[in-house]
Each structure stands twice: as structure tokens, then as C-alpha cells.
């Protein structure tokens, strides 16, 4: 019905134009430029892409650059999947868009240009996307990694990368034990529940293959900053880690480990260990294309219903490099851990070991205190840290509050490790 209303509105508008202008076609929207703040603090002018006539037009807003070999690269693979497999579809993207007010202006400009579906691919785009979606209800907006959705046109998509992070931890623990260091380093972008969840899953996986291993952590307060990412890796290496796991966007930390003769695990994309295969143990990665195309095709058909979709390895949304169909384990990985990872992955794919099983108590925090009681299985709200205060702050009304909120580091992290405050 939404698409029908849009079509009728366009036909009526065209009729008025033809009557008033003697048959002249309606002019396309004027090109727009939006000024945003760059990574270095300078002002950057972004040209807003325009739609193509007689096609379904799909836009993507990226927080990083498509050359990061990580998060943004993976989303761009999803965009290319749409163009390769969709019927009569045109896609466009804008990269390096800061979160917050800058993002809102960019998203609104894309809507004014007439894009049919707009994907916004960073946590900090959640509220800006919600605001613009309410203004342009004939356009479908899909936000990645948040918790908000709203009728008739604002949906949310994310997935259980924590499953693949658990496998990362298994690989890292086995390698640290082989090194004799029993020390693993982790680079965390922001102290939000999403990042804490992934970090904890990694530590639990590490302890599954190396009960004596300890994980150190560095918080960098950015998703994408090659300099800070490498500096964090260097700090972890200086502190004794021989395996570096990054939760940020570039493979720089793996390169830093390789430069010292050690190993690492990159993040988000199948391409993030290119050229580093001898130093890379694996990569937890995303497969966005199929779910993106399903959403766009539903939008075209007028059947898209906003949902809070959370995919998993069982439905092909995430993977662990070296262990999915057509892949081979990377040479740096200790051979004895390969069958253990394969067996765990098989259980995940069969639904026998899910994120809820992974986070079933008893689990202590890194101070030795009970964090998840014996027999308690974390809910999705628990994993996403949806406290009543958080939901009030972000205007989320249709989700239950967490009972055991993901606001702690599990046993396995160094006892001095802390979650810093998020301003």
C-alpha cells in the first residue's frame, strides 16, 4: 500500500506538471552538497549522489572508507551484491560520514534526492536515521547495529558475530599457548554493549582452548582510525601479548603483530588478511549481500515490514575465514585446534551452540564475582545491554529490559581490565 500511494502521488504530481507546463517533464532534484567534519577535524564537502530514472535506487551511508578491508568494505560488498543480483537496481554510497548531526544532514539529503531504500551502517546513525525516516515515510530506511525500528518504514538489521568471535578466541588461545606467552591482546572501539558482547565472546573462546590464557584490552574510542588501531596493538605487544585481536576496522593491528613475528585476527571482511596470511589466524566476517537484496526486493514489492532482524551463522550472515565452504584454514593456525573449531562451528550451524548457550551461567566477571548466575541463559535484551535507562534515553519502547545486562568483562580478561565510561 505504501508503494501504491507513492506511485499515485507521483502520477498526480506529473499530471499537474503536464497541465501547467504543456507536457514538460518534471525536473529532477537539484544536486546537493553537504559539509561534514573529517577525521582530522577539517571541513569536507560531500556531493550527494543522484538517482537514476526508471530504476530502484538504493543508497548506503558508510562511517569509514571502502578501502578499509574491514567493516565498510564488507558493507560495500553487500551493495555490489545488490547491483549484481537485483533487477533494474541502481546503488550509490557516501563514505566517511561522521556519526551524529552530520549523518542526519547526509541521510536527509539522500531522501530529498528520491532514493527508494537507504541503508545506514554504523551504530551512531541510529537516531539520525530514525529522525529522517519519520519525515520521509515513503522511503524505507534500514539501520545497522542498533535496536530501533518503527512503522511504517524504519527497520534494523544486525547479526551474531559473537559466534564467530568465540571461534576467534579459540584460535587465539591455542596460538598463545603454543607461543608460551598465554597472553592475548584485544582492541575495542567503544564501551557499548555490542563491543562488550563481542569482547566477552572472544575471551570465553580463548579460555576454551587455553584455560591459563589472559586477555588484555585497549579501548580506542573510534571505529576507524589506522593510527590509533596500530598504536593500541603496539601497546598490547609491549605488555606481552603475542596474539592481537582487533575489533576495529582495519588490518593494521595484525600487521603490527606480524612486524614483530607474532600473529593476529582481523575483523569484519574476508579481505582483511590479504597479504598477511602467514600471520593471520582467521577473521570473523559479515555476509551482508543476501539480506540486503531481500530487503530491497521486499521494498519494491511493497511488502517490507520493519523488523529487528538478527542473523547468525546458521542463516549464512556471518562466517569465520578459513572454515566456511570453499575455504581452508590459514597456515599460521595451530593444527591441533582446527578440529575443535570445526566441531564448534558445526554445532553453531546446527543450532546446538548459540549465543545464548555461550552466555549461560555460571560465568564470573574478571574480578572473580558471579556475573551470570548458574543456569541463567542471557536473553537478547541482556546481550544488547538494554537497561531501562538506556531504552528511555534512546526512546526504545518495544523491547523488554535486560535482567543481567552486558556491562561487565568476563573471567579471562586481566583482572585490571575495566570498561571505561562512555560520554
Protein backbone atom coordinates (compact mmCIF):
# COMPACT_ATOMS: atom_id res chain seq x y z
CA UNK A 1 0.00 0.00 0.00
CA UNK A 2 2.85 2.38 0.82
CA UNK A 3 4.38 1.88 -2.62
CA UNK A 4 0.97 2.26 -4.27
CA UNK A 5 0.41 5.58 -2.50
CA UNK A 6 3.85 6.74 -3.60
CA UNK A 7 3.15 5.77 -7.20
CA UNK A 8 -0.26 7.50 -7.24
CA UNK A 9 1.28 10.60 -5.71
CA UNK A 10 3.93 10.71 -8.43
CA UNK A 11 1.29 10.25 -11.14
CA UNK A 12 -0.82 13.08 -9.72
CA UNK A 13 2.23 15.32 -9.50
CA UNK A 14 3.10 14.52 -13.08
CA UNK A 15 -0.42 15.31 -14.20
CA UNK A 16 -0.27 18.75 -12.59
CA UNK A 17 3.08 19.43 -14.18
CA UNK A 18 1.84 18.40 -17.61
CA UNK A 19 -1.23 20.59 -17.25
CA UNK A 20 0.74 23.59 -16.09
CA UNK A 21 3.73 23.29 -18.38
CA UNK A 22 2.28 21.96 -21.56
CA UNK A 23 3.71 18.45 -21.19
CA UNK A 24 7.21 19.34 -19.92
CA UNK A 25 8.68 16.56 -17.71
CA UNK A 26 9.22 17.23 -14.01
CA UNK A 27 12.77 18.41 -13.32
CA UNK A 28 14.96 16.11 -11.17
CA UNK A 29 16.05 17.37 -7.74
CA UNK A 30 18.90 19.85 -7.77
CA UNK A 31 22.32 18.39 -6.88
CA UNK A 32 23.22 18.86 -3.21
CA UNK A 33 26.47 19.28 -1.28
CA UNK A 34 26.71 18.66 2.46
CA UNK A 35 29.64 19.87 4.57
CA UNK A 36 30.81 17.46 7.27
CA UNK A 37 33.72 17.24 9.70
CA UNK A 38 36.52 14.96 8.50
CA UNK A 39 38.60 12.56 10.60
CA UNK A 40 41.25 15.25 11.04
CA UNK A 41 38.75 17.92 12.12
CA UNK A 42 38.71 19.75 8.79
CA UNK A 43 35.53 20.55 6.87
CA UNK A 44 34.79 18.34 3.87
CA UNK A 45 32.19 18.91 1.17
CA UNK A 46 30.28 15.75 0.20
CA UNK A 47 28.42 15.64 -3.09
CA UNK A 48 25.14 13.79 -2.66
CA UNK A 49 24.66 11.19 -5.42
CA UNK A 50 21.57 11.40 -7.60
CA UNK A 51 19.06 8.75 -8.53
CA UNK A 52 18.70 7.13 -11.94
CA UNK A 53 15.35 7.30 -13.70
CA UNK A 54 13.19 4.18 -14.03
CA UNK A 55 15.28 2.18 -11.55
CA UNK A 56 15.04 1.18 -7.91
CA UNK A 57 17.57 3.47 -6.24
CA UNK A 58 19.39 2.29 -3.12
CA UNK A 59 21.81 4.41 -1.08
CA UNK A 60 24.38 3.46 1.58
CA UNK A 61 25.92 5.68 4.25
CA UNK A 62 29.33 4.46 5.49
CA UNK A 63 31.23 5.55 8.60
CA UNK A 64 34.59 4.51 7.13
CA UNK A 65 36.06 4.14 3.66
CA UNK A 66 35.52 1.22 1.32
CA UNK A 67 39.25 0.61 1.23
CA UNK A 68 39.44 -0.24 4.95
CA UNK A 69 39.40 -4.01 4.17
CA UNK A 70 37.03 -4.33 7.13
CA UNK A 71 33.58 -3.12 8.20
CA UNK A 72 32.90 -0.68 5.39
CA UNK A 73 34.47 -2.92 2.77
CA UNK A 74 32.09 -5.71 3.81
CA UNK A 75 29.05 -3.43 3.51
CA UNK A 76 30.22 -2.31 0.10
CA UNK A 77 30.40 -5.96 -0.92
CA UNK A 78 26.73 -6.13 0.04
CA UNK A 79 25.96 -3.10 -2.10
CA UNK A 80 27.76 -4.69 -5.07
CA UNK A 81 25.77 -7.88 -4.48
CA UNK A 82 22.55 -5.90 -4.94
CA UNK A 83 23.74 -4.46 -8.25
CA UNK A 84 24.92 -7.86 -9.48
CA UNK A 85 21.83 -9.83 -8.46
CA UNK A 86 18.96 -7.35 -8.30
CA UNK A 87 16.71 -6.50 -11.20
CA UNK A 88 16.93 -2.95 -12.54
CA UNK A 89 18.60 -1.54 -9.44
CA UNK A 90 20.97 1.39 -9.05
CA UNK A 91 23.08 1.81 -5.91
CA UNK A 92 25.17 4.68 -4.57
CA UNK A 93 27.20 5.29 -1.43
CA UNK A 94 28.77 8.03 0.65
CA UNK A 95 31.80 7.10 2.76
CA UNK A 96 33.49 8.63 5.82
CA UNK A 97 30.29 10.22 7.19
CA UNK A 98 30.65 11.19 10.88
CA UNK A 99 28.02 9.97 13.30
CA UNK A 100 25.52 12.45 14.73
CA UNK A 101 24.31 15.70 13.17
CA UNK A 102 26.49 15.35 10.06
CA UNK A 103 24.96 11.96 9.36
CA UNK A 104 21.44 13.33 9.73
CA UNK A 105 22.07 16.01 7.09
CA UNK A 106 23.55 13.45 4.69
CA UNK A 107 20.66 10.99 5.18
CA UNK A 108 18.08 13.73 4.70
CA UNK A 109 19.77 14.89 1.50
CA UNK A 110 19.67 11.33 0.11
CA UNK A 111 15.97 11.20 0.91
CA UNK A 112 15.36 14.51 -0.87
CA UNK A 113 17.12 13.13 -3.93
CA UNK A 114 14.50 10.37 -4.08
CA UNK A 115 16.32 7.17 -3.12
CA UNK A 116 13.86 4.33 -2.52
CA UNK A 117 15.84 2.49 0.18
CA UNK A 118 18.58 3.94 2.39
CA UNK A 119 20.93 1.78 4.48
CA UNK A 120 22.87 3.48 7.30
CA UNK A 121 25.71 1.31 8.51
CA UNK A 122 27.01 2.47 11.89
CA UNK A 123 25.71 2.41 15.45
CA UNK A 124 25.83 6.20 15.79
CA UNK A 125 23.49 6.62 12.82
CA UNK A 126 20.56 5.16 14.76
CA UNK A 127 18.85 8.33 15.96
CA UNK A 128 19.65 10.38 12.83
CA UNK A 129 18.10 7.63 10.70
CA UNK A 130 15.02 7.44 12.92
CA UNK A 131 14.52 11.21 12.62
CA UNK A 132 14.74 11.30 8.83
CA UNK A 133 12.63 8.13 8.44
CA UNK A 134 9.79 9.83 10.26
CA UNK A 135 9.96 12.74 7.80
CA UNK A 136 10.07 10.60 4.62
CA UNK A 137 7.64 7.75 5.19
CA UNK A 138 7.50 6.71 1.53
CA UNK A 139 11.20 5.67 1.72
CA UNK A 140 12.43 2.56 3.54
CA UNK A 141 15.33 3.16 5.96
CA UNK A 142 17.44 0.31 7.35
CA UNK A 143 19.83 0.92 10.22
CA UNK A 144 22.67 -1.48 11.01
CA UNK A 145 23.66 -2.47 14.57
CA UNK A 146 21.15 -0.58 16.70
CA UNK A 147 17.91 -1.53 18.41
CA UNK A 148 15.29 0.83 16.98
CA UNK A 149 12.54 0.16 14.47
CA UNK A 150 9.28 1.95 13.68
CA UNK A 151 6.32 1.58 11.39
CA UNK A 152 5.92 2.07 8.54
CA UNK A 153 9.45 2.36 7.14
CA UNK A 154 12.30 2.10 9.68
CA UNK A 155 13.95 -1.29 10.29
CA UNK A 156 17.06 -2.59 11.99
CA UNK A 157 19.49 -5.34 10.97
CA UNK A 158 22.39 -6.95 12.79
CA UNK A 159 23.84 -10.39 13.42
CA UNK A 160 25.52 -12.74 15.85
CA UNK A 161 29.17 -12.01 15.12
CA UNK A 162 29.75 -13.04 18.74
CA UNK A 163 29.53 -16.64 17.48
CA UNK A 164 32.48 -16.04 15.19
CA UNK A 165 34.32 -14.08 17.89
CA UNK A 166 34.12 -17.18 20.07
CA UNK A 167 35.92 -19.10 17.31
CA UNK A 168 38.45 -16.26 17.12
CA UNK A 169 39.12 -16.70 20.81
CA UNK A 170 39.61 -20.45 20.37
CA UNK A 171 42.19 -19.79 17.65
CA UNK A 172 43.95 -17.09 19.66
CA UNK A 173 44.09 -19.18 22.83
CA UNK A 174 45.63 -22.12 21.01
CA UNK A 175 48.25 -19.90 19.40
CA UNK A 176 49.13 -18.04 22.62
CA UNK A 177 49.60 -21.39 24.35
CA UNK A 178 51.82 -22.55 21.50
CA UNK A 179 53.83 -19.33 21.81
CA UNK A 180 54.27 -19.95 25.52
CA UNK A 181 53.06 -16.45 26.33
CA UNK A 182 49.47 -17.29 27.34
CA UNK A 183 48.76 -13.63 26.59
CA UNK A 184 46.23 -12.27 24.07
CA UNK A 185 45.52 -8.62 23.27
CA UNK A 186 42.15 -7.19 22.24
CA UNK A 187 41.42 -3.81 20.62
CA UNK A 188 37.93 -2.49 21.42
CA UNK A 189 36.38 0.54 19.66
CA UNK A 190 33.72 1.86 22.08
CA UNK A 191 32.46 0.67 25.51
CA UNK A 192 28.94 -0.12 24.24
CA UNK A 193 27.12 -3.42 24.79
CA UNK A 194 27.78 -4.57 21.21
CA UNK A 195 31.55 -4.29 21.64
CA UNK A 196 31.50 -5.68 25.19
CA UNK A 197 29.48 -8.68 23.95
CA UNK A 198 31.96 -9.42 21.16
CA UNK A 199 34.92 -8.97 23.51
CA UNK A 200 33.44 -11.33 26.09
CA UNK A 201 32.64 -13.98 23.49
CA UNK A 202 36.27 -13.84 22.38
CA UNK A 203 37.55 -14.27 25.93
CA UNK A 204 35.24 -17.24 26.52
CA UNK A 205 36.51 -18.87 23.33
CA UNK A 206 40.10 -18.23 24.37
CA UNK A 207 39.58 -19.96 27.71
CA UNK A 208 38.01 -22.95 25.91
CA UNK A 209 41.37 -23.77 24.32
CA UNK A 210 43.73 -22.15 26.83
CA UNK A 211 42.33 -22.05 30.39
CA UNK A 212 45.51 -20.34 31.59
CA UNK A 213 45.41 -17.55 28.99
CA UNK A 214 44.79 -13.94 29.93
CA UNK A 215 43.33 -11.28 27.66
CA UNK A 216 44.42 -7.64 27.82
CA UNK A 217 42.30 -4.88 26.27
CA UNK A 218 42.75 -1.38 24.84
CA UNK A 219 39.81 0.99 24.26
CA UNK A 220 40.37 3.38 21.33
CA UNK A 221 37.03 5.27 21.13
CA UNK A 222 36.80 5.10 17.34
CA UNK A 223 35.60 2.63 14.73
CA UNK A 224 38.14 3.66 12.14
CA UNK A 225 41.50 5.24 12.81
CA UNK A 226 44.52 3.38 11.38
CA UNK A 227 46.97 5.28 13.59
CA UNK A 228 45.12 4.62 16.87
CA UNK A 229 44.49 1.00 15.91
CA UNK A 230 48.18 0.37 15.33
CA UNK A 231 49.21 2.25 18.49
CA UNK A 232 46.84 0.09 20.52
CA UNK A 233 48.35 -3.05 19.00
CA UNK A 234 51.87 -1.85 19.82
CA UNK A 235 50.84 -1.20 23.41
CA UNK A 236 49.41 -4.71 23.77
CA UNK A 237 52.53 -6.25 22.26
CA UNK A 238 54.71 -4.22 24.62
CA UNK A 239 52.66 -5.64 27.51
CA UNK A 240 53.45 -9.21 26.48
CA UNK A 241 50.68 -10.26 24.11
CA UNK A 242 51.76 -12.49 21.22
CA UNK A 243 48.35 -12.64 19.55
CA UNK A 244 46.45 -9.43 18.71
CA UNK A 245 42.69 -9.47 18.02
CA UNK A 246 41.13 -6.31 16.65
CA UNK A 247 37.51 -5.26 16.91
CA UNK A 248 38.13 -2.14 14.81
CA UNK A 249 38.00 -1.66 11.06
CA UNK A 250 41.47 -2.03 9.57
CA UNK A 251 44.01 -4.90 9.46
CA UNK A 252 46.73 -2.59 10.82
CA UNK A 253 46.89 -4.37 14.22
CA UNK A 254 47.57 -7.71 12.50
CA UNK A 255 50.34 -6.03 10.53
CA UNK A 256 51.78 -4.64 13.76
CA UNK A 257 51.85 -8.16 15.22
CA UNK A 258 53.39 -9.56 12.02
CA UNK A 259 56.14 -6.94 12.13
CA UNK A 260 57.27 -8.44 15.45
CA UNK A 261 56.96 -12.04 14.30
CA UNK A 262 53.62 -12.63 16.02
CA UNK A 263 50.06 -13.28 14.82
CA UNK A 264 46.66 -11.65 14.88
CA UNK A 265 42.99 -11.89 13.99
CA UNK A 266 41.42 -9.20 11.85
CA UNK A 267 37.77 -8.18 11.69
CA UNK A 268 34.64 -7.89 9.52
CA UNK A 269 35.78 -8.82 6.00
CA UNK A 270 37.17 -11.76 4.05
CA UNK A 271 39.75 -9.37 2.59
CA UNK A 272 41.22 -8.13 5.85
CA UNK A 273 44.07 -10.66 5.94
CA UNK A 274 45.10 -10.31 2.30
CA UNK A 275 48.89 -10.30 2.21
CA UNK A 276 49.05 -11.31 5.87
CA UNK A 277 48.08 -14.97 5.54
CA UNK A 278 51.25 -16.18 7.29
CA UNK A 279 50.48 -14.01 10.32
CA UNK A 280 46.68 -14.14 10.37
CA UNK A 281 44.83 -16.85 12.30
CA UNK A 282 41.38 -16.07 10.86
CA UNK A 283 38.71 -13.40 10.52
CA UNK A 284 35.13 -13.19 11.82
CA UNK A 285 33.31 -11.64 8.86
CA UNK A 286 29.93 -10.49 7.53
CA UNK A 287 27.91 -11.59 4.51
CA UNK A 288 25.52 -8.65 4.02
CA UNK A 289 24.52 -9.12 0.37
CA UNK A 290 21.67 -11.65 0.57
CA UNK A 291 19.84 -9.94 3.45
CA UNK A 292 20.28 -6.55 1.76
CA UNK A 293 18.81 -7.81 -1.50
CA UNK A 294 15.89 -9.47 0.30
CA UNK A 295 15.03 -6.15 1.95
CA UNK A 296 15.24 -4.15 -1.27
CA UNK A 297 13.12 -6.67 -3.19
CA UNK A 298 10.51 -6.59 -0.42
CA UNK A 299 10.53 -2.80 -0.57
CA UNK A 300 9.98 -2.87 -4.34
CA UNK A 301 7.10 -5.31 -3.88
CA UNK A 302 5.58 -3.13 -1.16
CA UNK A 303 5.82 -5.97 1.37
CA UNK A 304 8.69 -4.77 3.53
CA UNK A 305 7.75 -4.68 7.21
CA UNK A 306 10.18 -3.05 9.65
CA UNK A 307 11.75 -5.61 11.96
CA UNK A 308 14.65 -6.02 14.34
CA UNK A 309 16.45 -8.71 12.35
CA UNK A 310 19.38 -10.52 13.99
CA UNK A 311 21.06 -13.10 11.74
CA UNK A 312 23.54 -15.85 12.60
CA UNK A 313 25.96 -18.33 11.08
CA UNK A 314 23.03 -20.75 10.75
CA UNK A 315 21.44 -18.49 8.12
CA UNK A 316 24.72 -17.53 6.46
CA UNK A 317 25.01 -13.96 7.71
CA UNK A 318 28.39 -14.38 9.41
CA UNK A 319 31.43 -16.59 8.90
CA UNK A 320 34.93 -17.34 10.16
CA UNK A 321 37.62 -17.16 7.49
CA UNK A 322 39.27 -20.49 6.85
CA UNK A 323 36.34 -22.63 7.93
CA UNK A 324 33.40 -21.83 5.68
CA UNK A 325 32.52 -23.69 2.49
CA UNK A 326 35.34 -23.45 -0.06
CA UNK A 327 37.85 -22.08 2.48
CA UNK A 328 40.95 -23.61 4.03
CA UNK A 329 42.41 -22.87 7.49
CA UNK A 330 45.17 -20.27 7.34
CA UNK A 331 48.74 -21.61 7.74
CA UNK A 332 49.52 -19.71 10.97
CA UNK A 333 46.76 -21.53 12.86
CA UNK A 334 47.92 -24.37 15.15
CA UNK A 335 46.78 -27.61 13.54
CA UNK A 336 45.55 -29.17 16.78
CA UNK A 337 42.86 -26.52 17.23
CA UNK A 338 41.40 -26.94 13.73
CA UNK A 339 39.12 -29.93 14.54
CA UNK A 340 37.93 -28.18 17.71
CA UNK A 341 36.92 -25.07 15.75
CA UNK A 342 35.29 -27.22 13.06
CA UNK A 343 33.23 -29.11 15.64
CA UNK A 344 32.14 -25.92 17.41
CA UNK A 345 31.19 -24.28 14.12
CA UNK A 346 29.15 -27.36 13.14
CA UNK A 347 27.24 -27.11 16.42
CA UNK A 348 26.58 -23.42 15.79
CA UNK A 349 25.30 -24.08 12.28
CA UNK A 350 23.02 -26.82 13.65
CA UNK A 351 21.67 -24.54 16.38
CA UNK A 352 23.22 -26.67 19.13
CA UNK A 353 25.55 -23.96 20.44
CA UNK A 354 24.08 -20.49 20.04
CA UNK A 355 24.97 -17.14 21.57
CA UNK A 356 22.52 -17.92 24.37
CA UNK A 357 24.28 -21.21 25.15
CA UNK A 358 27.62 -19.41 25.06
CA UNK A 359 26.45 -16.94 27.69
CA UNK A 360 24.70 -19.39 30.04
CA UNK A 361 25.88 -19.26 33.64
CA UNK A 362 27.71 -19.76 35.79
CA UNK A 363 30.09 -17.15 34.38
CA UNK A 364 32.22 -14.89 36.55
CA UNK A 365 33.49 -11.43 35.74
CA UNK A 366 37.20 -10.66 35.64
CA UNK A 367 37.13 -9.84 39.36
CA UNK A 368 36.03 -13.39 40.17
CA UNK A 369 32.49 -12.35 41.07
CA UNK A 370 29.39 -14.07 39.67
CA UNK A 371 28.22 -12.14 36.62
CA UNK A 372 25.79 -14.67 35.12
CA UNK A 373 24.17 -16.99 37.71
CA UNK A 374 24.27 -20.75 37.37
CA UNK A 375 21.71 -21.92 34.81
CA UNK A 376 20.74 -18.43 33.66
CA UNK A 377 20.80 -18.01 29.87
CA UNK A 378 21.28 -14.44 28.66
CA UNK A 379 18.39 -13.07 26.61
CA UNK A 380 18.76 -10.91 23.53
CA UNK A 381 18.00 -7.84 25.64
CA UNK A 382 20.69 -8.94 28.11
CA UNK A 383 23.24 -9.34 25.32
CA UNK A 384 22.37 -5.93 23.89
CA UNK A 385 22.54 -4.24 27.30
CA UNK A 386 19.02 -2.86 27.03
CA UNK A 387 18.61 -1.45 30.51
CA UNK A 388 15.50 0.54 31.32
CA UNK A 389 17.60 3.71 31.47
CA UNK A 390 19.19 3.02 28.10
CA UNK A 391 15.82 2.44 26.45
CA UNK A 392 14.40 5.60 27.97
CA UNK A 393 17.40 7.60 26.74
CA UNK A 394 17.10 6.29 23.17
CA UNK A 395 13.31 6.14 23.00
CA UNK A 396 13.06 2.35 22.60
CA UNK A 397 9.64 1.25 23.76
CA UNK A 398 9.04 -2.20 22.23
CA UNK A 399 11.80 -4.30 23.83
CA UNK A 400 11.99 -5.89 27.29
CA UNK A 401 14.65 -4.52 29.63
CA UNK A 402 17.69 -6.66 30.41
CA UNK A 403 17.88 -8.57 33.70
CA UNK A 404 21.61 -9.39 33.50
CA UNK A 405 22.87 -6.53 31.36
CA UNK A 406 26.04 -6.90 29.29
CA UNK A 407 28.05 -4.33 31.25
CA UNK A 408 30.93 -6.46 32.56
CA UNK A 409 34.07 -8.21 31.33
CA UNK A 410 34.14 -11.97 31.82
CA UNK A 411 36.76 -14.05 33.56
CA UNK A 412 39.69 -14.41 31.20
CA UNK A 413 40.33 -10.70 30.94
CA UNK A 414 43.19 -9.36 33.01
CA UNK A 415 41.84 -8.51 36.45
CA UNK A 416 42.97 -4.90 35.98
CA UNK A 417 40.91 -4.51 32.78
CA UNK A 418 37.93 -2.15 33.06
CA UNK A 419 35.09 -0.83 30.96
CA UNK A 420 35.62 2.93 30.74
CA UNK A 421 32.71 5.39 30.91
CA UNK A 422 31.07 6.30 27.61
CA UNK A 423 30.47 10.03 27.30
